Amino acid sequence: MTEPGDEPRYRANLQGEVDGAALYRALAGAEADPRLKEVYGKLAAVEEAHAEYWTRQLARIGARAAALRPGWRTRALSWLVRRFGPGFVLPTISRLERQGVTAYDAQPEAVAGGLPLDERSHARIVRAIEDQVPGGLDGGELAQLEGRHRSGGNALRAAVLGANDGLVSNLSLVTGVAGAAASSHTILLTGFAGLVAGACSMAMGEWLSVNSSRELYQKQIDVEAGELAQSPQEEIDEITLIYEAKGLTRPQAQALAAQLMSNRTTALDTLAREELGIDPESLGGSAWAAGASSFLLFSAGAIFPVAPYFFLAGHWALLASLGASGAALIAIGAGTALFTGRGFAFSALRQLLVGYAAAGVTYLVGMIAGVALSG
């Protein structure tokens, strides 16, 4: 028996499968590793089969399935895949897969077709690829943008939040000085100084953060090397326990640990990865690259509030600054929607309101301060 809500639900499911197939095709097209390219192609084929399934369900109830194109989020992620490579957006795709893993559980038609099992399998496969493939640029250069922006290698998230820092902080600074009735020339100098100071602070802080992490990791590896030299049997016992915890039998774990420990270089590399969770080849990435990325992303956001003051003055400059910043806030909201899975309108409106609220507060504070100082 057909329920009134079946057709909209079938169409929503069909759109989701079209989006999934298009995204995996984009990943397959951009992937250089033949093995992963094949995996992405197979995932796309399964999604296309699911789309056919929902097309048949629509036909069963007498509804016509119109030709669908991928949604805005899928088109944006596909562009990022082609521009920056699969690793740049893989953590985002993995998160979206995990969010949708139970979407079919309460749908009898989907359960009958075995779709929930496929969705869980996809989430596990993408998560496994994410764990093996470095996220973002080399060594996590973007993914390491500021400690509070790190999220398991999600360079997209780091880039969006880095630009947001620059935009909101400089918008607040510019509107605060404007509220104090300062001249346009003063506002321009203040905004430009805020851009440079903020970008330098972010870059230097990130450089120090990454360098400190590298030094800490290297110290841990040096300690492990000393323990390996002094007590090799204890290290063999430790790595045996690690492999036992991963599911190997005691004899298998002992044999593998003994084989790995037979070469000192391999032994140290294995201990660093398995016991310390450190990749000796990257040690957290390049501090210079992380600092440069932080500087550029903060500057990219901070330029919007100050740019109109290069060409305009007075209230027109302030209105243009708010307009340019509003457009940038909407774009950042769209960027956050890519990795959170929330709707574009919700994310964009929330970002716009938060940014303007911060600007409004500093404008009022500046206005009060201006009146008090003018006496």
Protein backbone atom coordinates (compact mmCIF):
# COMPACT_ATOMS: atom_id res chain seq x y z
CA MET A 1 0.00 0.00 0.00
CA THR A 2 1.32 3.40 -1.00
CA GLU A 3 1.47 6.10 1.68
CA PRO A 4 1.10 9.83 0.85
CA GLY A 5 4.70 10.52 1.89
CA ASP A 6 6.27 7.77 -0.18
CA GLU A 7 6.90 9.75 -3.36
CA PRO A 8 8.77 12.66 -1.69
CA ARG A 9 10.80 10.16 0.32
CA TYR A 10 11.67 8.13 -2.77
CA ARG A 11 12.71 11.28 -4.61
CA ALA A 12 14.88 12.42 -1.69
CA ASN A 13 16.52 8.99 -1.58
CA LEU A 14 17.10 9.09 -5.35
CA GLN A 15 18.73 12.51 -5.09
CA GLY A 16 21.00 11.27 -2.33
CA GLU A 17 22.15 8.32 -4.42
CA VAL A 18 22.73 10.55 -7.46
CA ASP A 19 24.86 12.81 -5.26
CA GLY A 20 26.82 9.87 -3.87
CA ALA A 21 27.50 8.40 -7.29
CA ALA A 22 28.67 11.75 -8.69
CA LEU A 23 30.99 12.35 -5.75
CA TYR A 24 32.61 8.91 -5.97
CA ARG A 25 33.04 9.36 -9.73
CA ALA A 26 34.82 12.65 -9.04
CA LEU A 27 37.07 10.92 -6.51
CA ALA A 28 37.84 8.13 -8.98
CA GLY A 29 38.66 10.66 -11.69
CA ALA A 30 41.08 12.59 -9.49
CA GLU A 31 42.73 9.63 -7.72
CA ALA A 32 46.25 8.75 -8.87
CA ASP A 33 46.47 5.45 -6.98
CA PRO A 34 45.01 2.75 -9.29
CA ARG A 35 43.86 0.67 -6.32
CA LEU A 36 41.92 3.52 -4.75
CA LYS A 37 40.60 4.61 -8.15
CA GLU A 38 39.08 1.16 -8.55
CA VAL A 39 37.57 1.27 -5.06
CA TYR A 40 35.95 4.66 -5.72
CA GLY A 41 34.63 3.38 -9.04
CA LYS A 42 33.02 0.39 -7.35
CA LEU A 43 31.44 2.62 -4.70
CA ALA A 44 30.04 4.84 -7.46
CA ALA A 45 28.60 1.79 -9.22
CA VAL A 46 26.81 0.70 -6.04
CA GLU A 47 25.35 4.20 -5.59
CA GLU A 48 24.18 4.16 -9.21
CA ALA A 49 22.51 0.79 -8.60
CA HIS A 50 20.77 2.31 -5.58
CA ALA A 51 19.58 5.19 -7.75
CA GLU A 52 18.09 2.67 -10.16
CA TYR A 53 16.40 0.97 -7.23
CA TRP A 54 14.63 4.18 -6.19
CA THR A 55 13.75 4.92 -9.80
CA ARG A 56 11.96 1.58 -9.92
CA GLN A 57 10.21 2.33 -6.64
CA LEU A 58 8.90 5.58 -8.11
CA ALA A 59 7.72 3.73 -11.22
CA ARG A 60 5.98 1.18 -9.00
CA ILE A 61 3.74 3.87 -7.53
CA GLY A 62 3.17 5.50 -10.92
CA ALA A 63 5.56 8.41 -10.48
CA ARG A 64 8.09 9.49 -13.07
CA ALA A 65 11.72 9.95 -12.03
CA ALA A 66 12.99 13.04 -13.81
CA ALA A 67 16.67 13.31 -14.73
CA LEU A 68 18.51 14.65 -11.69
CA ARG A 69 21.75 16.53 -11.42
CA PRO A 70 24.00 16.52 -8.33
CA GLY A 71 23.14 19.03 -5.62
CA TRP A 72 25.15 22.13 -4.76
CA ARG A 73 27.14 20.44 -1.98
CA THR A 74 28.16 17.58 -4.26
CA ARG A 75 29.14 19.96 -7.07
CA ALA A 76 31.22 22.04 -4.65
CA LEU A 77 32.96 19.00 -3.16
CA SER A 78 33.61 17.58 -6.64
CA TRP A 79 35.24 20.86 -7.67
CA LEU A 80 37.44 20.77 -4.57
CA VAL A 81 38.39 17.16 -5.36
CA ARG A 82 39.45 18.12 -8.89
CA ARG A 83 41.28 21.23 -7.71
CA PHE A 84 43.05 19.97 -4.57
CA GLY A 85 42.84 16.19 -4.80
CA PRO A 86 40.80 13.56 -2.92
CA GLY A 87 42.75 13.93 0.33
CA PHE A 88 41.58 17.52 0.76
CA VAL A 89 37.92 16.56 1.21
CA LEU A 90 38.16 12.90 2.25
CA PRO A 91 37.58 13.61 5.99
CA THR A 92 34.48 15.63 5.08
CA ILE A 93 33.13 12.86 2.85
CA SER A 94 33.85 10.30 5.57
CA ARG A 95 31.95 12.38 8.12
CA LEU A 96 28.97 12.76 5.79
CA GLU A 97 28.94 9.01 5.16
CA ARG A 98 28.89 8.33 8.90
CA GLN A 99 26.07 10.82 9.41
CA GLY A 100 23.93 9.07 6.81
CA VAL A 101 24.69 5.50 7.81
CA THR A 102 21.30 4.98 9.53
CA ALA A 103 19.18 6.90 7.00
CA TYR A 104 17.66 3.73 5.52
CA ASP A 105 17.21 1.73 8.73
CA ALA A 106 13.55 2.74 9.22
CA GLN A 107 12.57 2.45 5.53
CA PRO A 108 11.07 -0.98 4.77
CA GLU A 109 11.76 -0.76 1.02
CA ALA A 110 15.42 0.05 1.63
CA VAL A 111 15.79 -2.76 4.15
CA ALA A 112 14.21 -5.20 1.69
CA GLY A 113 16.73 -4.14 -0.94
CA GLY A 114 19.71 -4.50 1.39
CA LEU A 115 20.60 -0.81 1.16
CA PRO A 116 21.41 -0.25 4.87
CA LEU A 117 24.17 -2.87 4.72
CA ASP A 118 25.67 -1.17 1.66
CA GLU A 119 25.64 2.23 3.39
CA ARG A 120 27.41 0.84 6.44
CA SER A 121 29.96 -0.84 4.20
CA HIS A 122 30.60 2.44 2.37
CA ALA A 123 31.15 4.30 5.63
CA ARG A 124 33.66 1.67 6.81
CA ILE A 125 35.53 1.70 3.48
CA VAL A 126 35.79 5.49 3.34
CA ARG A 127 36.89 5.62 6.98
CA ALA A 128 39.59 3.03 6.26
CA ILE A 129 40.82 5.07 3.28
CA GLU A 130 40.79 8.23 5.39
CA ASP A 131 42.96 6.52 8.01
CA GLN A 132 45.52 5.54 5.36
CA VAL A 133 45.58 8.62 3.12
CA PRO A 134 47.12 11.85 4.44
CA GLY A 135 44.48 14.58 4.66
CA GLY A 136 44.98 17.95 3.04
CA LEU A 137 48.25 19.29 1.73
CA ASP A 138 51.63 17.72 2.36
CA GLY A 139 52.17 16.96 6.02
CA GLY A 140 48.81 18.45 6.95
CA GLU A 141 49.98 21.98 6.13
CA LEU A 142 46.48 23.34 6.02
CA ALA A 143 45.02 20.77 8.37
CA GLN A 144 47.35 22.00 11.09
CA LEU A 145 46.17 25.57 10.79
CA GLU A 146 45.90 26.59 14.46
CA GLY A 147 45.55 24.03 17.20
CA ARG A 148 41.84 24.72 17.70
CA HIS A 149 41.18 24.07 14.02
CA ARG A 150 42.75 20.63 13.82
CA SER A 151 40.25 17.93 13.07
CA GLY A 152 41.85 14.70 11.99
CA GLY A 153 43.39 16.06 8.82
CA ASN A 154 40.37 18.00 7.57
CA ALA A 155 42.08 20.71 5.53
CA LEU A 156 38.75 22.03 4.22
CA ARG A 157 37.52 22.76 7.73
CA ALA A 158 40.82 24.36 8.69
CA ALA A 159 40.78 26.60 5.61
CA VAL A 160 37.21 27.78 6.20
CA LEU A 161 37.76 28.52 9.90
CA GLY A 162 41.07 30.24 9.23
CA ALA A 163 39.44 32.66 6.80
CA ASN A 164 36.54 33.14 9.22
CA ASP A 165 38.94 34.21 11.98
CA GLY A 166 40.36 36.96 9.81
CA LEU A 167 36.99 38.12 8.55
CA VAL A 168 35.14 38.36 11.86
CA SER A 169 38.03 39.83 13.84
CA ASN A 170 38.83 42.54 11.29
CA LEU A 171 35.17 43.32 10.64
CA SER A 172 34.74 43.87 14.37
CA LEU A 173 37.85 46.05 14.49
CA VAL A 174 36.81 48.20 11.52
CA THR A 175 33.22 48.71 12.72
CA GLY A 176 34.42 49.48 16.24
CA VAL A 177 36.69 52.26 15.00
CA ALA A 178 33.91 53.49 12.67
CA GLY A 179 31.57 53.64 15.66
CA ALA A 180 33.98 56.03 17.35
CA ALA A 181 33.46 58.42 14.39
CA ALA A 182 37.05 58.11 13.22
CA SER A 183 37.99 59.36 9.76
CA SER A 184 37.99 56.99 6.81
CA HIS A 185 41.76 57.34 6.58
CA THR A 186 42.13 56.26 10.21
CA ILE A 187 39.75 53.34 9.70
CA LEU A 188 41.74 52.21 6.64
CA LEU A 189 45.03 52.32 8.51
CA THR A 190 43.51 50.55 11.51
CA GLY A 191 41.95 47.82 9.37
CA PHE A 192 45.11 47.24 7.38
CA ALA A 193 47.16 47.15 10.58
CA GLY A 194 44.68 44.67 12.05
CA LEU A 195 45.02 42.46 8.98
CA VAL A 196 48.82 42.41 9.12
CA ALA A 197 49.01 42.07 12.90
CA GLY A 198 46.42 39.31 13.05
CA ALA A 199 47.92 37.36 10.14
CA CYS A 200 51.41 37.61 11.61
CA SER A 201 50.15 36.56 15.02
CA MET A 202 48.38 33.54 13.54
CA ALA A 203 51.37 32.58 11.41
CA MET A 204 53.90 32.92 14.22
CA GLY A 205 51.66 31.09 16.66
CA GLU A 206 51.19 28.24 14.20
CA TRP A 207 54.90 28.10 13.41
CA LEU A 208 55.69 27.81 17.12
CA SER A 209 52.92 25.27 17.65
CA VAL A 210 54.08 22.97 14.86
CA ASN A 211 57.74 23.31 15.82
CA SER A 212 56.91 22.52 19.44
CA SER A 213 54.97 19.46 18.32
CA ARG A 214 57.87 18.33 16.13
CA GLU A 215 60.32 18.73 19.00
CA LEU A 216 58.03 16.79 21.33
CA TYR A 217 57.57 14.00 18.79
CA GLN A 218 61.30 13.82 18.13
CA LYS A 219 62.00 13.65 21.87
CA GLN A 220 59.55 10.75 22.21
CA ILE A 221 61.19 8.93 19.29
CA ASP A 222 64.64 9.49 20.81
CA VAL A 223 63.44 8.03 24.12
CA GLU A 224 61.99 5.05 22.27
CA ALA A 225 65.29 4.57 20.41
CA GLY A 226 67.14 4.52 23.73
CA GLU A 227 64.76 1.96 25.17
CA LEU A 228 65.11 -0.15 22.04
CA ALA A 229 68.89 -0.15 22.41
CA GLN A 230 68.84 -0.91 26.13
CA SER A 231 65.90 -3.33 26.41
CA PRO A 232 65.05 -4.81 23.00
CA GLN A 233 63.10 -7.74 24.49
CA GLU A 234 60.79 -5.40 26.40
CA GLU A 235 60.06 -3.50 23.19
CA ILE A 236 59.31 -6.78 21.41
CA ASP A 237 56.89 -7.64 24.21
CA GLU A 238 55.20 -4.25 23.89
CA ILE A 239 54.69 -4.51 20.14
CA THR A 240 53.44 -8.08 20.61
CA LEU A 241 50.77 -6.84 22.99
CA ILE A 242 49.79 -4.11 20.52
CA TYR A 243 49.25 -6.63 17.72
CA GLU A 244 47.38 -8.94 20.05
CA ALA A 245 45.05 -6.05 20.88
CA LYS A 246 44.44 -5.67 17.13
CA GLY A 247 43.17 -9.22 16.91
CA LEU A 248 46.18 -11.41 16.15
CA THR A 249 46.79 -14.57 18.13
CA ARG A 250 49.72 -14.64 20.56
CA PRO A 251 51.97 -16.73 18.27
CA GLN A 252 51.12 -14.56 15.23
CA ALA A 253 51.78 -11.35 17.17
CA GLN A 254 55.10 -12.69 18.50
CA ALA A 255 56.23 -13.78 15.04
CA LEU A 256 55.32 -10.43 13.47
CA ALA A 257 56.95 -8.45 16.29
CA ALA A 258 60.16 -10.51 16.03
CA GLN A 259 60.28 -10.00 12.26
CA LEU A 260 59.77 -6.25 12.54
CA MET A 261 62.32 -5.92 15.33
CA SER A 262 65.03 -7.75 13.38
CA ASN A 263 65.92 -4.47 11.64
CA ARG A 264 66.66 -1.51 13.94
CA THR A 265 65.34 1.13 11.52
CA THR A 266 62.13 -0.79 10.87
CA ALA A 267 61.78 -1.51 14.58
CA LEU A 268 61.99 2.16 15.55
CA ASP A 269 59.58 3.17 12.78
CA THR A 270 57.11 0.51 13.91
CA LEU A 271 57.34 1.50 17.56
CA ALA A 272 56.83 5.16 16.72
CA ARG A 273 53.73 4.41 14.66
CA GLU A 274 52.17 1.64 16.73
CA GLU A 275 53.12 2.61 20.28
CA LEU A 276 53.40 6.40 20.06
CA GLY A 277 51.00 7.06 17.18
CA ILE A 278 53.63 9.22 15.43
CA ASP A 279 54.53 9.24 11.74
CA PRO A 280 58.34 9.62 11.78
CA GLU A 281 58.35 10.81 8.18
CA SER A 282 56.29 13.93 8.78
CA LEU A 283 56.43 14.67 12.54
CA GLY A 284 53.44 16.95 12.24
CA GLY A 285 54.28 18.59 8.91
CA SER A 286 56.22 21.67 7.90
CA ALA A 287 56.12 24.55 10.38
CA TRP A 288 56.91 27.06 7.62
CA ALA A 289 54.14 25.75 5.37
CA ALA A 290 51.65 25.76 8.26
CA GLY A 291 52.61 29.34 9.19
CA ALA A 292 52.34 30.54 5.59
CA SER A 293 48.96 28.87 5.18
CA SER A 294 47.70 30.48 8.38
CA PHE A 295 48.94 33.92 7.25
CA LEU A 296 47.30 33.65 3.84
CA LEU A 297 43.97 32.30 5.04
CA PHE A 298 43.62 34.89 7.81
CA SER A 299 44.50 37.65 5.32
CA ALA A 300 42.00 36.32 2.78
CA GLY A 301 39.20 36.79 5.29
CA ALA A 302 40.47 40.03 6.84
CA ILE A 303 40.73 41.92 3.54
CA PHE A 304 36.96 42.06 2.96
CA PRO A 305 36.06 44.55 5.73
CA VAL A 306 38.93 46.93 4.91
CA ALA A 307 39.00 46.81 1.08
CA PRO A 308 36.11 49.30 0.50
CA TYR A 309 38.01 51.99 2.45
CA PHE A 310 40.63 52.04 -0.31
CA PHE A 311 38.00 53.46 -2.67
CA LEU A 312 35.20 55.00 -0.57
CA ALA A 313 34.79 57.19 2.51
CA GLY A 314 32.27 57.92 5.24
CA HIS A 315 29.03 56.00 5.56
CA TRP A 316 29.30 54.64 2.01
CA ALA A 317 32.58 52.95 2.91
CA LEU A 318 31.05 51.45 6.06
CA LEU A 319 28.02 50.15 4.15
CA ALA A 320 30.27 48.69 1.45
CA SER A 321 32.43 47.09 4.12
CA LEU A 322 29.38 45.50 5.74
CA GLY A 323 28.12 44.35 2.33
CA ALA A 324 31.42 42.80 1.26
CA SER A 325 31.85 41.17 4.65
CA GLY A 326 28.27 39.86 4.53
CA ALA A 327 28.90 38.22 1.16
CA ALA A 328 32.10 36.65 2.54
CA LEU A 329 30.25 35.46 5.66
CA ILE A 330 27.64 33.77 3.46
CA ALA A 331 30.42 32.08 1.48
CA ILE A 332 32.04 30.87 4.70
CA GLY A 333 28.65 29.61 5.86
CA ALA A 334 28.42 27.61 2.65
CA GLY A 335 31.89 26.27 3.34
CA THR A 336 30.89 25.12 6.82
CA ALA A 337 27.81 23.43 5.34
CA LEU A 338 30.10 21.31 3.18
CA PHE A 339 31.73 19.59 6.15
CA THR A 340 28.86 19.74 8.68
CA GLY A 341 26.13 18.41 6.38
CA ARG A 342 23.71 21.18 7.44
CA GLY A 343 21.65 23.06 4.87
CA PHE A 344 23.16 25.94 2.93
CA ALA A 345 20.53 28.49 4.00
CA PHE A 346 20.82 27.61 7.69
CA SER A 347 24.64 27.69 7.72
CA ALA A 348 24.89 30.89 5.68
CA LEU A 349 22.27 32.74 7.77
CA ARG A 350 23.83 31.61 11.04
CA GLN A 351 27.28 32.74 9.91
CA LEU A 352 25.90 36.09 8.75
CA LEU A 353 24.07 36.73 12.02
CA VAL A 354 27.07 35.81 14.16
CA GLY A 355 29.43 38.01 12.13
CA TYR A 356 27.07 40.99 12.14
CA ALA A 357 26.34 40.53 15.86
CA ALA A 358 30.07 40.78 16.62
CA ALA A 359 30.33 43.86 14.41
CA GLY A 360 27.28 45.43 16.07
CA VAL A 361 28.69 44.97 19.55
CA THR A 362 32.04 46.56 18.66
CA TYR A 363 30.29 49.41 16.82
CA LEU A 364 28.29 50.26 19.95
CA VAL A 365 31.39 49.99 22.14
CA GLY A 366 33.31 52.24 19.73
CA MET A 367 30.46 54.77 19.66
CA ILE A 368 30.31 54.91 23.46
CA ALA A 369 34.09 55.19 23.69
CA GLY A 370 34.11 57.93 21.06
CA VAL A 371 31.52 59.97 22.94
CA ALA A 372 33.35 59.50 26.25
CA LEU A 373 36.73 60.49 24.80
CA SER A 374 35.36 63.53 22.99
CA GLY A 375 34.11 64.62 26.33
